[in-house]
Amino acid sequence: MVDRYSGMTVNERLFAAGVLSKYEAAVAREDREAIAHILAGVGLVRDADGMHHDIASRSENR
């Protein structure tokens, strides 16, 4: 799944996955848990500082 989104911006990932409107609604509600869940679905994980990173690039840096 991660390779599917390689080289895409966050918005491109959300659009390709068909969840852009769900993401925008979660942002409007300030639903951080939903936002994190949606972003995880497109290959992004949240670090300790609250930033979201590509799963593949995080594992390459370890």
C-alpha atoms as a PDB file:
ATOM      1  CA  MET A   1       0.000   0.000   0.000  1.00  0.00           C
ATOM      2  CA  VAL A   2       2.748   2.483   0.870  1.00  0.00           C
ATOM      3  CA  ASP A   3       4.355   2.194  -2.599  1.00  0.00           C
ATOM      4  CA  ARG A   4       1.028   3.203  -4.146  1.00  0.00           C
ATOM      5  CA  TYR A   5       1.440   6.697  -2.654  1.00  0.00           C
ATOM      6  CA  SER A   6       5.186   7.081  -3.124  1.00  0.00           C
ATOM      7  CA  GLY A   7       6.095  10.538  -4.414  1.00  0.00           C
ATOM      8  CA  MET A   8       2.618  11.976  -3.792  1.00  0.00           C
ATOM      9  CA  THR A   9       1.785  14.987  -1.677  1.00  0.00           C
ATOM     10  CA  VAL A  10      -0.635  14.562   1.215  1.00  0.00           C
ATOM     11  CA  ASN A  11      -3.503  16.041  -0.823  1.00  0.00           C
ATOM     12  CA  GLU A  12      -2.696  13.777  -3.774  1.00  0.00           C
ATOM     13  CA  ARG A  13      -2.718  10.751  -1.449  1.00  0.00           C
ATOM     14  CA  LEU A  14      -6.060  11.767   0.066  1.00  0.00           C
ATOM     15  CA  PHE A  15      -7.597  12.346  -3.376  1.00  0.00           C
ATOM     16  CA  ALA A  16      -6.256   9.069  -4.799  1.00  0.00           C
ATOM     17  CA  ALA A  17      -7.669   7.171  -1.826  1.00  0.00           C
ATOM     18  CA  GLY A  18     -11.038   8.884  -2.165  1.00  0.00           C
ATOM     19  CA  VAL A  19     -10.937  10.303   1.359  1.00  0.00           C
ATOM     20  CA  LEU A  20     -10.246  13.981   0.758  1.00  0.00           C
ATOM     21  CA  SER A  21     -13.772  15.053   1.749  1.00  0.00           C
ATOM     22  CA  LYS A  22     -13.631  12.867   4.883  1.00  0.00           C
ATOM     23  CA  TYR A  23     -10.304  14.460   5.793  1.00  0.00           C
ATOM     24  CA  GLU A  24     -11.635  17.980   5.233  1.00  0.00           C
ATOM     25  CA  ALA A  25     -14.694  17.208   7.373  1.00  0.00           C
ATOM     26  CA  ALA A  26     -12.470  15.855  10.169  1.00  0.00           C
ATOM     27  CA  VAL A  27     -10.347  19.010   9.999  1.00  0.00           C
ATOM     28  CA  ALA A  28     -13.486  21.187  10.167  1.00  0.00           C
ATOM     29  CA  ARG A  29     -14.613  19.240  13.276  1.00  0.00           C
ATOM     30  CA  GLU A  30     -11.070  19.440  14.709  1.00  0.00           C
ATOM     31  CA  ASP A  31     -11.258  15.655  15.176  1.00  0.00           C
ATOM     32  CA  ARG A  32      -7.580  14.831  15.608  1.00  0.00           C
ATOM     33  CA  GLU A  33      -8.184  11.115  16.085  1.00  0.00           C
ATOM     34  CA  ALA A  34     -10.094  10.891  12.780  1.00  0.00           C
ATOM     35  CA  ILE A  35      -7.430  12.966  11.026  1.00  0.00           C
ATOM     36  CA  ALA A  36      -4.668  10.647  12.266  1.00  0.00           C
ATOM     37  CA  HIS A  37      -6.686   7.578  11.215  1.00  0.00           C
ATOM     38  CA  ILE A  38      -7.305   8.957   7.717  1.00  0.00           C
ATOM     39  CA  LEU A  39      -3.660   9.934   7.264  1.00  0.00           C
ATOM     40  CA  ALA A  40      -2.528   6.486   8.445  1.00  0.00           C
ATOM     41  CA  GLY A  41      -4.729   5.031   5.730  1.00  0.00           C
ATOM     42  CA  VAL A  42      -2.652   6.814   3.101  1.00  0.00           C
ATOM     43  CA  GLY A  43       0.691   5.728   4.550  1.00  0.00           C
ATOM     44  CA  LEU A  44       1.422   8.538   7.006  1.00  0.00           C
ATOM     45  CA  VAL A  45       2.165   8.147  10.716  1.00  0.00           C
ATOM     46  CA  ARG A  46       2.310  10.733  13.504  1.00  0.00           C
ATOM     47  CA  ASP A  47       5.559  11.150  15.422  1.00  0.00           C
ATOM     48  CA  ALA A  48       6.026  12.352  19.010  1.00  0.00           C
ATOM     49  CA  ASP A  49       5.962  15.988  17.855  1.00  0.00           C
ATOM     50  CA  GLY A  50       2.596  15.514  16.152  1.00  0.00           C
ATOM     51  CA  MET A  51       4.007  15.669  12.618  1.00  0.00           C
ATOM     52  CA  HIS A  52       2.911  13.096  10.033  1.00  0.00           C
ATOM     53  CA  HIS A  53       5.577  11.279   8.035  1.00  0.00           C
ATOM     54  CA  ASP A  54       5.602   8.723   5.256  1.00  0.00           C
ATOM     55  CA  ILE A  55       5.809   5.235   6.726  1.00  0.00           C
ATOM     56  CA  ALA A  56       8.427   4.157   4.174  1.00  0.00           C
ATOM     57  CA  SER A  57      10.738   7.115   4.754  1.00  0.00           C
ATOM     58  CA  ARG A  58      10.491   6.702   8.542  1.00  0.00           C
ATOM     59  CA  SER A  59      11.574   3.061   8.334  1.00  0.00           C
ATOM     60  CA  GLU A  60      14.441   3.934   5.970  1.00  0.00           C
ATOM     61  CA  ASN A  61      15.827   6.462   8.458  1.00  0.00           C
ATOM     62  CA  ARG A  62      16.030   3.968  11.326  1.00  0.00           C
END
